[in-house]
Amino acid sequence: MNVIDGLKAFMYTAQTGSFTDAANRLGISNRLTSKYVAQLEDKIGARLLQRTTRQVGLTPQGEALLARAPALIAELDDLLGCASEDAKGLTGSLRISAPVTFGEMYISEMLGRFSAQHPNLSIDLRLNDSHVDLAAEGFDVAFRIGSPTLNTLKVRKLGTITSVLVAEKQYLQRMGEPRTPNELEHHICIQDTNMREASRWVFTKDNIEHVFHPSKNFTVNNARIAKRWAQNGLGITLCPSFLLQNNQGSDGSALVRLLPDYTMKTLPICAVYLNGKVTPKKVRHLIDFAVQDFDDSKLSACRLEN
């Protein structure tokens, strides 16, 4: 065992509270993970973990080491990466979190393009609409929609998206097209509950806000399904603009943008990562690539009929 292996085994075990979960992240056996931690404890001369039959906890010495371990590992990884970059390019692994729909539609494709430039780098993408704890769950980067609130994270803005009110043509022929937010009261509304303030749709015109509270005719925690329901003529919904780049349904149905004279709030799309003294080179390269890739893809645009 070298010190880096021992530190990583200790850090992941402490973060997850489990040798098994730590072993899964490291790609080694449970037994070897436990052995690495024990060897690190022998080298330091202090017990770092309290082991019971049900859980693993930290000793005071372990708490002190865990506070510094992520930064130490990042700095060592960056140092070793610099030494081998000319020969091998970026190496190691990147653990990445992203929202489900945005991750499926864009982040997964972007990572494929990034990986093509760095074939020796291992990519681990986890899709989750909840905000993960980067330090506790061992993530290098998280892509998020909306402004991050934690001061412990560094933030790099990739761009912005907005929500667009849409409905299918035949639905509008049947129910009529709303001309103001108040007229939405007479329509069937589809709510994507993953949206912030899903039950409060805010429209702005001439610097005046108009708030509409949609009835719960249809609710779902997935933007892609909300869009599909609208394409099937079930009602009106708010869609994030990146979801509307491919507007036409499989049956030829097309969504129409509603209330084009009103604007809706834009939200930033950000890459967030831990606020340490050293940002690993692989993280810097990924974020720089994502900034350029997002700009090239023009994800904030959408194609709709008015």
Protein backbone atom coordinates (compact mmCIF):
# COMPACT_ATOMS: atom_id res chain seq x y z
CA MET A 1 0.00 0.00 0.00
CA ASN A 2 1.17 3.54 -0.72
CA VAL A 3 -0.01 6.57 1.23
CA ILE A 4 -2.35 7.76 -1.54
CA ASP A 5 -4.15 4.40 -1.64
CA GLY A 6 -4.50 4.46 2.13
CA LEU A 7 -5.79 8.03 2.19
CA LYS A 8 -8.35 7.31 -0.55
CA ALA A 9 -9.54 4.14 1.20
CA PHE A 10 -9.88 6.03 4.47
CA MET A 11 -11.60 9.07 2.90
CA TYR A 12 -14.22 7.08 0.97
CA THR A 13 -14.90 4.83 3.96
CA ALA A 14 -15.34 7.85 6.22
CA GLN A 15 -17.56 9.65 3.69
CA THR A 16 -19.83 6.67 3.07
CA GLY A 17 -19.65 5.02 6.47
CA SER A 18 -19.05 1.69 4.74
CA PHE A 19 -16.03 -0.31 3.57
CA THR A 20 -18.24 -1.87 0.89
CA ASP A 21 -19.29 1.48 -0.60
CA ALA A 22 -15.71 2.73 -0.43
CA ALA A 23 -14.50 -0.42 -2.20
CA ASN A 24 -17.06 0.12 -4.97
CA ARG A 25 -15.76 3.62 -5.58
CA LEU A 26 -12.15 2.48 -5.59
CA GLY A 27 -12.83 -0.55 -7.76
CA ILE A 28 -11.16 -2.94 -5.33
CA SER A 29 -12.36 -5.53 -2.84
CA ASN A 30 -13.92 -4.80 0.54
CA ARG A 31 -11.13 -6.74 2.22
CA LEU A 32 -8.37 -4.78 0.47
CA THR A 33 -10.03 -1.46 1.37
CA SER A 34 -10.11 -2.45 5.03
CA LYS A 35 -6.50 -3.57 4.82
CA TYR A 36 -5.40 -0.24 3.32
CA VAL A 37 -7.10 1.69 6.14
CA ALA A 38 -5.53 -0.55 8.79
CA GLN A 39 -2.08 -0.07 7.23
CA LEU A 40 -2.59 3.71 7.19
CA GLU A 41 -3.54 3.60 10.87
CA ASP A 42 -0.39 1.61 11.61
CA LYS A 43 1.73 4.11 9.69
CA ILE A 44 0.18 7.09 11.50
CA GLY A 45 0.15 5.33 14.86
CA ALA A 46 -3.47 6.24 15.64
CA ARG A 47 -6.88 4.71 15.12
CA LEU A 48 -8.87 6.67 12.53
CA LEU A 49 -12.11 4.69 12.39
CA GLN A 50 -14.37 3.16 15.01
CA ARG A 51 -15.63 -0.12 13.63
CA THR A 52 -18.83 -1.83 14.79
CA THR A 53 -20.89 -4.62 13.27
CA ARG A 54 -23.35 -2.11 11.79
CA GLN A 55 -21.41 1.03 10.93
CA VAL A 56 -18.09 2.80 10.72
CA GLY A 57 -17.50 6.04 12.61
CA LEU A 58 -14.67 8.53 12.97
CA THR A 59 -12.32 8.96 15.91
CA PRO A 60 -11.13 12.52 16.73
CA GLN A 61 -7.91 11.76 14.83
CA GLY A 62 -9.99 10.52 11.91
CA GLU A 63 -12.09 13.69 11.88
CA ALA A 64 -8.94 15.82 11.76
CA LEU A 65 -7.52 13.81 8.86
CA LEU A 66 -10.81 13.77 6.92
CA ALA A 67 -10.92 17.57 7.05
CA ARG A 68 -7.65 17.67 5.11
CA ALA A 69 -7.69 14.46 3.08
CA PRO A 70 -9.72 15.64 0.04
CA ALA A 71 -7.40 18.61 -0.54
CA LEU A 72 -4.31 16.44 -0.02
CA ILE A 73 -5.52 13.83 -2.48
CA ALA A 74 -6.51 16.45 -5.05
CA GLU A 75 -3.09 18.08 -4.81
CA LEU A 76 -1.26 14.76 -5.11
CA ASP A 77 -3.43 13.69 -8.05
CA ASP A 78 -2.76 17.01 -9.77
CA LEU A 79 0.98 16.73 -9.16
CA LEU A 80 1.13 13.19 -10.53
CA GLY A 81 -1.15 14.17 -13.42
CA CYS A 82 1.19 16.98 -14.41
CA ALA A 83 4.13 14.58 -14.39
CA SER A 84 2.43 12.05 -16.68
CA GLU A 85 0.31 14.33 -18.86
CA ASP A 86 2.79 14.63 -21.70
CA ALA A 87 3.07 10.85 -21.96
CA LYS A 88 -0.48 9.69 -21.26
CA GLY A 89 -2.78 12.71 -21.24
CA LEU A 90 -5.38 12.96 -18.48
CA THR A 91 -5.65 9.82 -16.36
CA GLY A 92 -7.57 8.67 -13.31
CA SER A 93 -11.33 8.97 -12.91
CA LEU A 94 -13.98 11.68 -12.86
CA ARG A 95 -17.16 11.19 -10.83
CA ILE A 96 -19.88 13.52 -12.12
CA SER A 97 -23.44 14.35 -11.06
CA ALA A 98 -26.14 15.91 -13.26
CA PRO A 99 -29.95 16.29 -13.33
CA VAL A 100 -31.71 13.38 -15.00
CA THR A 101 -33.24 14.98 -18.11
CA PHE A 102 -30.43 17.46 -18.74
CA GLY A 103 -27.92 14.72 -18.10
CA GLU A 104 -29.57 12.37 -20.58
CA MET A 105 -29.99 15.00 -23.26
CA TYR A 106 -26.75 16.93 -23.03
CA ILE A 107 -24.22 15.99 -20.33
CA SER A 108 -23.94 12.36 -21.47
CA GLU A 109 -23.24 13.47 -25.06
CA MET A 110 -20.81 16.17 -23.94
CA LEU A 111 -18.88 13.65 -21.84
CA GLY A 112 -18.61 11.36 -24.85
CA ARG A 113 -16.99 14.18 -26.81
CA PHE A 114 -14.70 14.99 -23.87
CA SER A 115 -13.71 11.34 -23.42
CA ALA A 116 -12.74 11.07 -27.09
CA GLN A 117 -10.01 13.62 -26.38
CA HIS A 118 -8.92 11.91 -23.16
CA PRO A 119 -9.27 8.13 -23.67
CA ASN A 120 -7.22 7.25 -20.56
CA LEU A 121 -9.67 9.02 -18.27
CA SER A 122 -12.44 7.00 -16.60
CA ILE A 123 -15.88 8.68 -16.54
CA ASP A 124 -18.51 7.89 -13.87
CA LEU A 125 -21.76 9.80 -14.49
CA ARG A 126 -24.61 9.63 -11.95
CA LEU A 127 -27.98 11.20 -12.80
CA ASN A 128 -30.00 12.53 -9.89
CA ASP A 129 -32.47 15.39 -9.65
CA SER A 130 -31.49 15.98 -6.00
CA HIS A 131 -28.41 18.03 -5.17
CA VAL A 132 -25.65 15.63 -4.10
CA ASP A 133 -23.10 16.44 -1.41
CA LEU A 134 -19.90 16.51 -3.44
CA ALA A 135 -17.56 15.95 -0.49
CA ALA A 136 -19.62 13.33 1.32
CA GLU A 137 -20.47 11.36 -1.84
CA GLY A 138 -17.12 11.69 -3.56
CA PHE A 139 -18.10 13.70 -6.66
CA ASP A 140 -15.56 15.77 -8.58
CA VAL A 141 -18.06 17.92 -10.49
CA ALA A 142 -21.82 18.50 -10.47
CA PHE A 143 -23.77 20.18 -13.25
CA ARG A 144 -26.77 22.09 -11.89
CA ILE A 145 -29.59 24.26 -13.13
CA GLY A 146 -30.12 27.30 -10.90
CA SER A 147 -27.86 29.35 -8.66
CA PRO A 148 -25.85 27.29 -6.12
CA THR A 149 -26.32 28.40 -2.52
CA LEU A 150 -23.35 26.79 -0.75
CA ASN A 151 -20.25 28.91 -0.15
CA THR A 152 -18.15 25.74 0.04
CA LEU A 153 -18.46 25.24 -3.72
CA LYS A 154 -16.74 26.92 -6.63
CA VAL A 155 -19.05 27.80 -9.50
CA ARG A 156 -18.46 28.14 -13.24
CA LYS A 157 -21.39 29.39 -15.29
CA LEU A 158 -21.92 27.58 -18.58
CA GLY A 159 -24.90 29.54 -19.86
CA THR A 160 -28.58 30.10 -19.18
CA ILE A 161 -31.87 28.45 -19.95
CA THR A 162 -35.44 29.65 -19.65
CA SER A 163 -38.85 28.03 -19.47
CA VAL A 164 -41.22 28.20 -22.43
CA LEU A 165 -45.00 27.78 -22.27
CA VAL A 166 -46.12 25.31 -24.94
CA ALA A 167 -49.10 23.31 -26.18
CA GLU A 168 -49.89 21.11 -29.17
CA LYS A 169 -51.73 22.57 -32.18
CA GLN A 170 -54.79 20.33 -32.04
CA TYR A 171 -55.20 20.95 -28.31
CA LEU A 172 -55.28 24.69 -29.03
CA GLN A 173 -57.80 24.20 -31.81
CA ARG A 174 -60.00 22.33 -29.36
CA MET A 175 -59.52 24.54 -26.28
CA GLY A 176 -58.52 27.89 -27.74
CA GLU A 177 -55.20 29.71 -27.38
CA PRO A 178 -54.63 31.76 -24.21
CA ARG A 179 -53.61 35.38 -24.80
CA THR A 180 -52.87 36.35 -21.17
CA PRO A 181 -51.73 34.42 -18.08
CA ASN A 182 -55.21 34.79 -16.56
CA GLU A 183 -56.73 32.86 -19.46
CA LEU A 184 -54.72 29.81 -18.41
CA GLU A 185 -57.40 29.21 -15.77
CA HIS A 186 -59.56 27.68 -18.52
CA HIS A 187 -56.89 25.19 -19.58
CA ILE A 188 -55.50 21.84 -18.51
CA CYS A 189 -52.03 22.36 -17.05
CA ILE A 190 -49.14 19.91 -16.81
CA GLN A 191 -46.67 20.54 -13.99
CA ASP A 192 -43.08 19.34 -13.91
CA THR A 193 -42.53 19.11 -10.16
CA ASN A 194 -38.75 19.13 -10.57
CA MET A 195 -38.97 22.78 -11.55
CA ARG A 196 -38.39 25.35 -8.86
CA GLU A 197 -41.74 26.87 -7.89
CA ALA A 198 -43.55 24.34 -10.07
CA SER A 199 -46.92 25.53 -8.78
CA ARG A 200 -46.13 29.20 -9.44
CA TRP A 201 -45.75 30.25 -13.05
CA VAL A 202 -44.42 33.80 -13.35
CA PHE A 203 -44.72 35.80 -16.57
CA THR A 204 -43.32 39.31 -17.12
CA LYS A 205 -44.50 41.96 -19.53
CA ASP A 206 -43.57 45.67 -19.47
CA ASN A 207 -41.71 45.03 -16.17
CA ILE A 208 -44.92 43.80 -14.53
CA GLU A 209 -45.07 40.29 -13.10
CA HIS A 210 -48.15 38.15 -13.66
CA VAL A 211 -48.36 35.07 -11.42
CA PHE A 212 -50.49 32.05 -12.28
CA HIS A 213 -51.01 29.03 -10.02
CA PRO A 214 -51.79 26.05 -12.28
CA SER A 215 -54.31 23.48 -11.15
CA LYS A 216 -52.93 19.98 -10.71
CA ASN A 217 -54.48 18.34 -13.75
CA PHE A 218 -51.24 16.46 -14.48
CA THR A 219 -48.04 16.37 -12.41
CA VAL A 220 -44.83 14.48 -13.06
CA ASN A 221 -41.25 14.79 -11.84
CA ASN A 222 -39.75 14.56 -15.31
CA ALA A 223 -39.56 17.33 -17.91
CA ARG A 224 -39.40 14.94 -20.84
CA ILE A 225 -42.68 13.28 -19.86
CA ALA A 226 -44.35 16.66 -19.30
CA LYS A 227 -43.32 17.61 -22.84
CA ARG A 228 -44.59 14.28 -24.22
CA TRP A 229 -47.96 14.75 -22.55
CA ALA A 230 -48.21 18.20 -24.11
CA GLN A 231 -47.28 16.75 -27.52
CA ASN A 232 -50.06 14.21 -27.05
CA GLY A 233 -52.54 17.07 -26.64
CA LEU A 234 -53.22 16.55 -22.94
CA GLY A 235 -52.63 20.17 -21.94
CA ILE A 236 -50.27 23.12 -21.56
CA THR A 237 -46.88 22.88 -19.89
CA LEU A 238 -43.68 24.77 -19.15
CA CYS A 239 -40.64 23.24 -20.82
CA PRO A 240 -36.98 24.11 -20.30
CA SER A 241 -35.65 25.58 -23.52
CA PHE A 242 -32.98 22.90 -24.02
CA LEU A 243 -35.76 20.27 -24.23
CA LEU A 244 -37.37 22.01 -27.20
CA GLN A 245 -34.52 21.75 -29.68
CA ASN A 246 -36.29 18.72 -31.16
CA ASN A 247 -39.88 19.89 -31.12
CA GLN A 248 -41.73 17.42 -33.30
CA GLY A 249 -43.33 14.28 -31.87
CA SER A 250 -43.14 10.83 -33.47
CA ASP A 251 -46.63 11.27 -34.90
CA GLY A 252 -45.80 14.63 -36.47
CA SER A 253 -47.39 16.66 -33.68
CA ALA A 254 -45.68 19.97 -33.01
CA LEU A 255 -45.65 22.25 -30.00
CA VAL A 256 -46.57 25.91 -30.28
CA ARG A 257 -45.08 28.60 -28.09
CA LEU A 258 -47.72 30.46 -26.09
CA LEU A 259 -47.76 34.00 -24.67
CA PRO A 260 -44.78 35.10 -26.81
CA ASP A 261 -45.16 38.70 -25.58
CA TYR A 262 -44.33 37.59 -22.04
CA THR A 263 -40.92 36.58 -20.73
CA MET A 264 -40.05 34.09 -18.04
CA LYS A 265 -37.16 33.94 -15.60
CA THR A 266 -33.86 32.61 -16.90
CA LEU A 267 -31.77 30.23 -14.81
CA PRO A 268 -28.02 29.67 -14.97
CA ILE A 269 -26.54 26.30 -15.86
CA CYS A 270 -23.44 25.85 -13.73
CA ALA A 271 -20.62 23.44 -13.06
CA VAL A 272 -19.83 23.27 -9.36
CA TYR A 273 -16.86 21.70 -7.63
CA LEU A 274 -15.19 21.70 -4.21
CA ASN A 275 -13.59 24.90 -2.99
CA GLY A 276 -10.06 23.69 -2.29
CA LYS A 277 -6.64 25.25 -2.71
CA VAL A 278 -5.97 23.07 -5.73
CA THR A 279 -8.44 22.16 -8.47
CA PRO A 280 -7.33 18.91 -10.13
CA LYS A 281 -6.24 19.32 -13.73
CA LYS A 282 -8.83 16.80 -14.95
CA VAL A 283 -11.60 18.90 -13.34
CA ARG A 284 -10.27 22.11 -14.89
CA HIS A 285 -10.08 20.48 -18.33
CA LEU A 286 -13.62 19.12 -18.08
CA ILE A 287 -15.11 22.45 -17.04
CA ASP A 288 -13.23 24.40 -19.72
CA PHE A 289 -14.44 21.86 -22.28
CA ALA A 290 -18.04 22.11 -21.02
CA VAL A 291 -18.02 25.92 -21.29
CA GLN A 292 -16.93 25.77 -24.92
CA ASP A 293 -19.16 22.83 -25.78
CA PHE A 294 -22.22 24.50 -24.29
CA ASP A 295 -21.53 27.65 -26.30
CA ASP A 296 -21.08 25.65 -29.50
CA SER A 297 -24.27 23.64 -28.99
CA LYS A 298 -26.42 26.75 -28.37
CA LEU A 299 -28.60 24.83 -25.91
CA SER A 300 -30.47 27.92 -24.82
CA ALA A 301 -32.13 28.11 -28.25
CA CYS A 302 -35.37 26.34 -29.13
CA ARG A 303 -37.33 25.80 -32.29
CA LEU A 304 -41.03 26.52 -31.99
CA GLU A 305 -43.85 27.92 -34.01
CA ASN A 306 -45.45 31.11 -32.69
